[in-house]
């Protein structure tokens, strides 16, 4: 039977797919808001370039909590609640609504009192900032550009192997090469 509903225009379909890709798959909206504020403070944007939030380390963490980092989900549930509880009790507002200086003060307290959570979220933020973009973070190669990493290559010309020569960024993920398989993440 033929459908009587006209297909969506390509632009509308692309926008809807983009929105779906940006939505969180593991974290609740409150957890996601708190995590976004945390990663923004752990590696903030500054005069050197974008930070972890702009590189979408939060998206990397969210996606990984549904897969490779699934065992850390309970740590995030408890840790994000603890961050908001500390922010509320010491500063009178949820963590994401605090001024940057107040967020830093809360995070320093969490670093001392909830070491396991702080270390996990810090490590995952770093991973999201600098890992292969295929995994959901390091959007637009922001982390790689920040540290001067030229990107994945399967071959490097002799002139680029000499000291002092800086290769142009490849702006490629390892998974842009056919020799690597793209497993579901």
C-alpha atoms as a PDB file:
ATOM      1  CA  UNK A   1       0.000   0.000   0.000  1.00  0.00           C
ATOM      2  CA  UNK A   2       1.434   3.386  -0.958  1.00  0.00           C
ATOM      3  CA  UNK A   3       1.946   5.969   1.758  1.00  0.00           C
ATOM      4  CA  UNK A   4      -0.220   9.076   1.559  1.00  0.00           C
ATOM      5  CA  UNK A   5       2.225  11.037   3.725  1.00  0.00           C
ATOM      6  CA  UNK A   6       4.728  13.016   1.700  1.00  0.00           C
ATOM      7  CA  UNK A   7       8.384  12.385   2.590  1.00  0.00           C
ATOM      8  CA  UNK A   8      10.096  15.052   4.652  1.00  0.00           C
ATOM      9  CA  UNK A   9      12.227  17.544   2.726  1.00  0.00           C
ATOM     10  CA  UNK A  10      15.941  16.733   2.960  1.00  0.00           C
ATOM     11  CA  UNK A  11      16.720  19.835   5.065  1.00  0.00           C
ATOM     12  CA  UNK A  12      14.016  18.988   7.631  1.00  0.00           C
ATOM     13  CA  UNK A  13      15.155  15.364   7.793  1.00  0.00           C
ATOM     14  CA  UNK A  14      18.808  16.397   8.253  1.00  0.00           C
ATOM     15  CA  UNK A  15      17.881  18.840  11.035  1.00  0.00           C
ATOM     16  CA  UNK A  16      15.851  16.142  12.829  1.00  0.00           C
ATOM     17  CA  UNK A  17      18.680  13.634  12.514  1.00  0.00           C
ATOM     18  CA  UNK A  18      21.145  16.245  13.817  1.00  0.00           C
ATOM     19  CA  UNK A  19      18.942  16.912  16.837  1.00  0.00           C
ATOM     20  CA  UNK A  20      18.703  13.192  17.536  1.00  0.00           C
ATOM     21  CA  UNK A  21      22.492  12.844  17.257  1.00  0.00           C
ATOM     22  CA  UNK A  22      22.938  15.692  19.756  1.00  0.00           C
ATOM     23  CA  UNK A  23      20.504  14.283  22.323  1.00  0.00           C
ATOM     24  CA  UNK A  24      21.826  12.413  25.321  1.00  0.00           C
ATOM     25  CA  UNK A  25      21.375   8.650  25.274  1.00  0.00           C
ATOM     26  CA  UNK A  26      22.348   7.690  28.827  1.00  0.00           C
ATOM     27  CA  UNK A  27      22.113  10.724  31.092  1.00  0.00           C
ATOM     28  CA  UNK A  28      18.944  12.423  32.288  1.00  0.00           C
ATOM     29  CA  UNK A  29      18.514  16.105  31.447  1.00  0.00           C
ATOM     30  CA  UNK A  30      19.605  17.151  34.968  1.00  0.00           C
ATOM     31  CA  UNK A  31      22.634  14.839  34.856  1.00  0.00           C
ATOM     32  CA  UNK A  32      23.546  16.095  31.381  1.00  0.00           C
ATOM     33  CA  UNK A  33      23.277  19.738  32.446  1.00  0.00           C
ATOM     34  CA  UNK A  34      25.514  19.091  35.455  1.00  0.00           C
ATOM     35  CA  UNK A  35      28.044  17.122  33.420  1.00  0.00           C
ATOM     36  CA  UNK A  36      28.195  19.847  30.753  1.00  0.00           C
ATOM     37  CA  UNK A  37      28.982  22.418  33.460  1.00  0.00           C
ATOM     38  CA  UNK A  38      31.661  20.158  34.976  1.00  0.00           C
ATOM     39  CA  UNK A  39      33.515  19.490  31.714  1.00  0.00           C
ATOM     40  CA  UNK A  40      33.367  23.219  30.924  1.00  0.00           C
ATOM     41  CA  UNK A  41      35.248  23.922  34.163  1.00  0.00           C
ATOM     42  CA  UNK A  42      37.728  21.032  33.947  1.00  0.00           C
ATOM     43  CA  UNK A  43      39.040  22.130  30.532  1.00  0.00           C
ATOM     44  CA  UNK A  44      37.664  25.623  29.923  1.00  0.00           C
ATOM     45  CA  UNK A  45      37.776  27.504  26.650  1.00  0.00           C
ATOM     46  CA  UNK A  46      40.353  30.271  26.758  1.00  0.00           C
ATOM     47  CA  UNK A  47      42.668  32.312  24.544  1.00  0.00           C
ATOM     48  CA  UNK A  48      44.347  29.061  23.429  1.00  0.00           C
ATOM     49  CA  UNK A  49      41.164  27.650  21.958  1.00  0.00           C
ATOM     50  CA  UNK A  50      37.998  25.726  22.682  1.00  0.00           C
ATOM     51  CA  UNK A  51      37.553  23.705  25.830  1.00  0.00           C
ATOM     52  CA  UNK A  52      36.037  20.332  26.639  1.00  0.00           C
ATOM     53  CA  UNK A  53      32.457  21.570  26.322  1.00  0.00           C
ATOM     54  CA  UNK A  54      33.072  22.920  22.831  1.00  0.00           C
ATOM     55  CA  UNK A  55      34.860  19.672  21.933  1.00  0.00           C
ATOM     56  CA  UNK A  56      31.749  17.823  23.211  1.00  0.00           C
ATOM     57  CA  UNK A  57      33.470  15.755  25.884  1.00  0.00           C
ATOM     58  CA  UNK A  58      30.030  15.538  27.509  1.00  0.00           C
ATOM     59  CA  UNK A  59      28.672  13.728  24.450  1.00  0.00           C
ATOM     60  CA  UNK A  60      31.681  11.383  24.450  1.00  0.00           C
ATOM     61  CA  UNK A  61      31.001  10.497  28.110  1.00  0.00           C
ATOM     62  CA  UNK A  62      27.271  10.023  27.565  1.00  0.00           C
ATOM     63  CA  UNK A  63      27.799   7.710  24.583  1.00  0.00           C
ATOM     64  CA  UNK A  64      30.558   5.772  26.357  1.00  0.00           C
ATOM     65  CA  UNK A  65      28.341   5.220  29.415  1.00  0.00           C
ATOM     66  CA  UNK A  66      26.031   3.270  27.109  1.00  0.00           C
ATOM     67  CA  UNK A  67      28.936   1.154  25.877  1.00  0.00           C
ATOM     68  CA  UNK A  68      32.593   0.845  26.826  1.00  0.00           C
ATOM     69  CA  UNK A  69      32.226   2.790  30.096  1.00  0.00           C
ATOM     70  CA  UNK A  70      28.945   1.141  31.147  1.00  0.00           C
ATOM     71  CA  UNK A  71      30.533  -0.025  34.412  1.00  0.00           C
ATOM     72  CA  UNK A  72      30.992   3.651  35.404  1.00  0.00           C
ATOM     73  CA  UNK A  73      27.288   4.524  35.134  1.00  0.00           C
ATOM     74  CA  UNK A  74      26.597   4.082  38.873  1.00  0.00           C
ATOM     75  CA  UNK A  75      29.624   6.250  39.711  1.00  0.00           C
ATOM     76  CA  UNK A  76      28.192   9.016  37.518  1.00  0.00           C
ATOM     77  CA  UNK A  77      24.697   8.695  38.973  1.00  0.00           C
ATOM     78  CA  UNK A  78      25.971   9.081  42.535  1.00  0.00           C
ATOM     79  CA  UNK A  79      28.676  11.607  41.650  1.00  0.00           C
ATOM     80  CA  UNK A  80      26.434  14.003  39.748  1.00  0.00           C
ATOM     81  CA  UNK A  81      23.885  13.908  42.585  1.00  0.00           C
ATOM     82  CA  UNK A  82      26.707  14.638  45.061  1.00  0.00           C
ATOM     83  CA  UNK A  83      27.950  17.590  42.991  1.00  0.00           C
ATOM     84  CA  UNK A  84      24.479  19.141  42.895  1.00  0.00           C
ATOM     85  CA  UNK A  85      23.897  18.454  46.598  1.00  0.00           C
ATOM     86  CA  UNK A  86      27.202  20.121  47.488  1.00  0.00           C
ATOM     87  CA  UNK A  87      26.447  23.085  45.215  1.00  0.00           C
ATOM     88  CA  UNK A  88      22.974  23.473  46.708  1.00  0.00           C
ATOM     89  CA  UNK A  89      24.146  23.242  50.320  1.00  0.00           C
ATOM     90  CA  UNK A  90      27.247  25.420  50.008  1.00  0.00           C
ATOM     91  CA  UNK A  91      26.211  27.915  47.304  1.00  0.00           C
ATOM     92  CA  UNK A  92      22.403  27.764  47.267  1.00  0.00           C
ATOM     93  CA  UNK A  93      21.883  26.662  43.641  1.00  0.00           C
ATOM     94  CA  UNK A  94      22.380  23.667  41.347  1.00  0.00           C
ATOM     95  CA  UNK A  95      25.941  23.333  40.055  1.00  0.00           C
ATOM     96  CA  UNK A  96      25.121  24.354  36.486  1.00  0.00           C
ATOM     97  CA  UNK A  97      23.631  27.660  37.644  1.00  0.00           C
ATOM     98  CA  UNK A  98      26.623  28.764  39.723  1.00  0.00           C
ATOM     99  CA  UNK A  99      29.180  31.348  38.646  1.00  0.00           C
ATOM    100  CA  UNK A 100      32.444  29.832  37.371  1.00  0.00           C
ATOM    101  CA  UNK A 101      34.340  30.699  40.578  1.00  0.00           C
ATOM    102  CA  UNK A 102      31.665  29.000  42.685  1.00  0.00           C
ATOM    103  CA  UNK A 103      31.692  25.969  40.372  1.00  0.00           C
ATOM    104  CA  UNK A 104      35.462  25.742  40.814  1.00  0.00           C
ATOM    105  CA  UNK A 105      35.074  25.879  44.607  1.00  0.00           C
ATOM    106  CA  UNK A 106      32.500  23.072  44.535  1.00  0.00           C
ATOM    107  CA  UNK A 107      34.708  20.967  42.238  1.00  0.00           C
ATOM    108  CA  UNK A 108      37.704  21.449  44.534  1.00  0.00           C
ATOM    109  CA  UNK A 109      35.581  20.180  47.417  1.00  0.00           C
ATOM    110  CA  UNK A 110      34.406  17.202  45.362  1.00  0.00           C
ATOM    111  CA  UNK A 111      38.027  16.498  44.424  1.00  0.00           C
ATOM    112  CA  UNK A 112      38.808  16.144  48.147  1.00  0.00           C
ATOM    113  CA  UNK A 113      35.648  14.344  49.306  1.00  0.00           C
ATOM    114  CA  UNK A 114      34.594  12.274  46.284  1.00  0.00           C
ATOM    115  CA  UNK A 115      37.980  11.420  44.855  1.00  0.00           C
ATOM    116  CA  UNK A 116      36.753   8.381  42.893  1.00  0.00           C
ATOM    117  CA  UNK A 117      34.074  10.365  41.037  1.00  0.00           C
ATOM    118  CA  UNK A 118      36.313  13.365  40.456  1.00  0.00           C
ATOM    119  CA  UNK A 119      39.105  11.193  39.031  1.00  0.00           C
ATOM    120  CA  UNK A 120      36.679   9.328  36.751  1.00  0.00           C
ATOM    121  CA  UNK A 121      34.984  12.426  35.361  1.00  0.00           C
ATOM    122  CA  UNK A 122      38.349  14.172  34.931  1.00  0.00           C
ATOM    123  CA  UNK A 123      39.845  11.195  33.053  1.00  0.00           C
ATOM    124  CA  UNK A 124      36.770  10.838  30.843  1.00  0.00           C
ATOM    125  CA  UNK A 125      36.744  14.579  30.110  1.00  0.00           C
ATOM    126  CA  UNK A 126      40.360  14.361  28.957  1.00  0.00           C
ATOM    127  CA  UNK A 127      39.484  11.334  26.820  1.00  0.00           C
ATOM    128  CA  UNK A 128      36.534  13.192  25.295  1.00  0.00           C
ATOM    129  CA  UNK A 129      38.685  16.210  24.559  1.00  0.00           C
ATOM    130  CA  UNK A 130      41.555  14.386  22.865  1.00  0.00           C
ATOM    131  CA  UNK A 131      40.277  11.001  21.608  1.00  0.00           C
ATOM    132  CA  UNK A 132      39.430  10.119  18.039  1.00  0.00           C
ATOM    133  CA  UNK A 133      36.334  12.135  17.021  1.00  0.00           C
ATOM    134  CA  UNK A 134      34.643   8.906  15.981  1.00  0.00           C
ATOM    135  CA  UNK A 135      33.770   8.319  19.642  1.00  0.00           C
ATOM    136  CA  UNK A 136      31.711  11.494  19.958  1.00  0.00           C
ATOM    137  CA  UNK A 137      34.148  13.991  21.472  1.00  0.00           C
ATOM    138  CA  UNK A 138      36.967  16.087  20.008  1.00  0.00           C
ATOM    139  CA  UNK A 139      34.429  17.680  17.647  1.00  0.00           C
ATOM    140  CA  UNK A 140      36.045  19.462  14.719  1.00  0.00           C
ATOM    141  CA  UNK A 141      39.375  18.080  15.975  1.00  0.00           C
ATOM    142  CA  UNK A 142      39.427  20.822  18.629  1.00  0.00           C
ATOM    143  CA  UNK A 143      41.578  18.836  21.059  1.00  0.00           C
ATOM    144  CA  UNK A 144      44.032  17.717  18.410  1.00  0.00           C
ATOM    145  CA  UNK A 145      44.438  21.269  17.124  1.00  0.00           C
ATOM    146  CA  UNK A 146      44.949  22.523  20.670  1.00  0.00           C
ATOM    147  CA  UNK A 147      47.946  20.218  21.207  1.00  0.00           C
ATOM    148  CA  UNK A 148      49.221  20.334  17.622  1.00  0.00           C
ATOM    149  CA  UNK A 149      48.456  16.705  16.785  1.00  0.00           C
ATOM    150  CA  UNK A 150      48.145  16.517  12.993  1.00  0.00           C
ATOM    151  CA  UNK A 151      45.658  13.638  13.011  1.00  0.00           C
ATOM    152  CA  UNK A 152      45.593  10.050  11.911  1.00  0.00           C
ATOM    153  CA  UNK A 153      47.681   9.041   8.906  1.00  0.00           C
ATOM    154  CA  UNK A 154      48.394   5.694   7.323  1.00  0.00           C
ATOM    155  CA  UNK A 155      51.564   6.962   5.660  1.00  0.00           C
ATOM    156  CA  UNK A 156      53.927   9.844   6.374  1.00  0.00           C
ATOM    157  CA  UNK A 157      56.186  11.303   3.694  1.00  0.00           C
ATOM    158  CA  UNK A 158      59.932  11.418   4.380  1.00  0.00           C
ATOM    159  CA  UNK A 159      60.005  15.222   4.543  1.00  0.00           C
ATOM    160  CA  UNK A 160      57.482  15.157   7.400  1.00  0.00           C
ATOM    161  CA  UNK A 161      59.685  12.797   9.411  1.00  0.00           C
ATOM    162  CA  UNK A 162      62.444  15.386   9.744  1.00  0.00           C
ATOM    163  CA  UNK A 163      62.825  17.416  12.918  1.00  0.00           C
ATOM    164  CA  UNK A 164      61.289  20.844  12.706  1.00  0.00           C
ATOM    165  CA  UNK A 165      58.772  20.052   9.961  1.00  0.00           C
ATOM    166  CA  UNK A 166      55.217  20.442  11.133  1.00  0.00           C
ATOM    167  CA  UNK A 167      52.741  18.455   9.046  1.00  0.00           C
ATOM    168  CA  UNK A 168      49.442  19.978   8.002  1.00  0.00           C
ATOM    169  CA  UNK A 169      46.490  18.573   9.921  1.00  0.00           C
ATOM    170  CA  UNK A 170      44.862  15.644   8.134  1.00  0.00           C
ATOM    171  CA  UNK A 171      41.513  16.303   9.853  1.00  0.00           C
ATOM    172  CA  UNK A 172      40.790  12.598   9.608  1.00  0.00           C
ATOM    173  CA  UNK A 173      39.664  10.062  12.123  1.00  0.00           C
ATOM    174  CA  UNK A 174      41.355   6.681  12.051  1.00  0.00           C
ATOM    175  CA  UNK A 175      37.951   5.376  10.965  1.00  0.00           C
ATOM    176  CA  UNK A 176      38.064   7.519   7.817  1.00  0.00           C
ATOM    177  CA  UNK A 177      40.498   4.920   6.495  1.00  0.00           C
ATOM    178  CA  UNK A 178      39.087   1.682   5.099  1.00  0.00           C
ATOM    179  CA  UNK A 179      41.517  -0.493   7.033  1.00  0.00           C
ATOM    180  CA  UNK A 180      39.673   0.213  10.300  1.00  0.00           C
ATOM    181  CA  UNK A 181      36.212  -1.185  10.900  1.00  0.00           C
ATOM    182  CA  UNK A 182      33.495   0.938  12.436  1.00  0.00           C
ATOM    183  CA  UNK A 183      31.991  -1.113  15.222  1.00  0.00           C
ATOM    184  CA  UNK A 184      28.778   0.085  16.803  1.00  0.00           C
ATOM    185  CA  UNK A 185      29.491   2.316  19.785  1.00  0.00           C
END
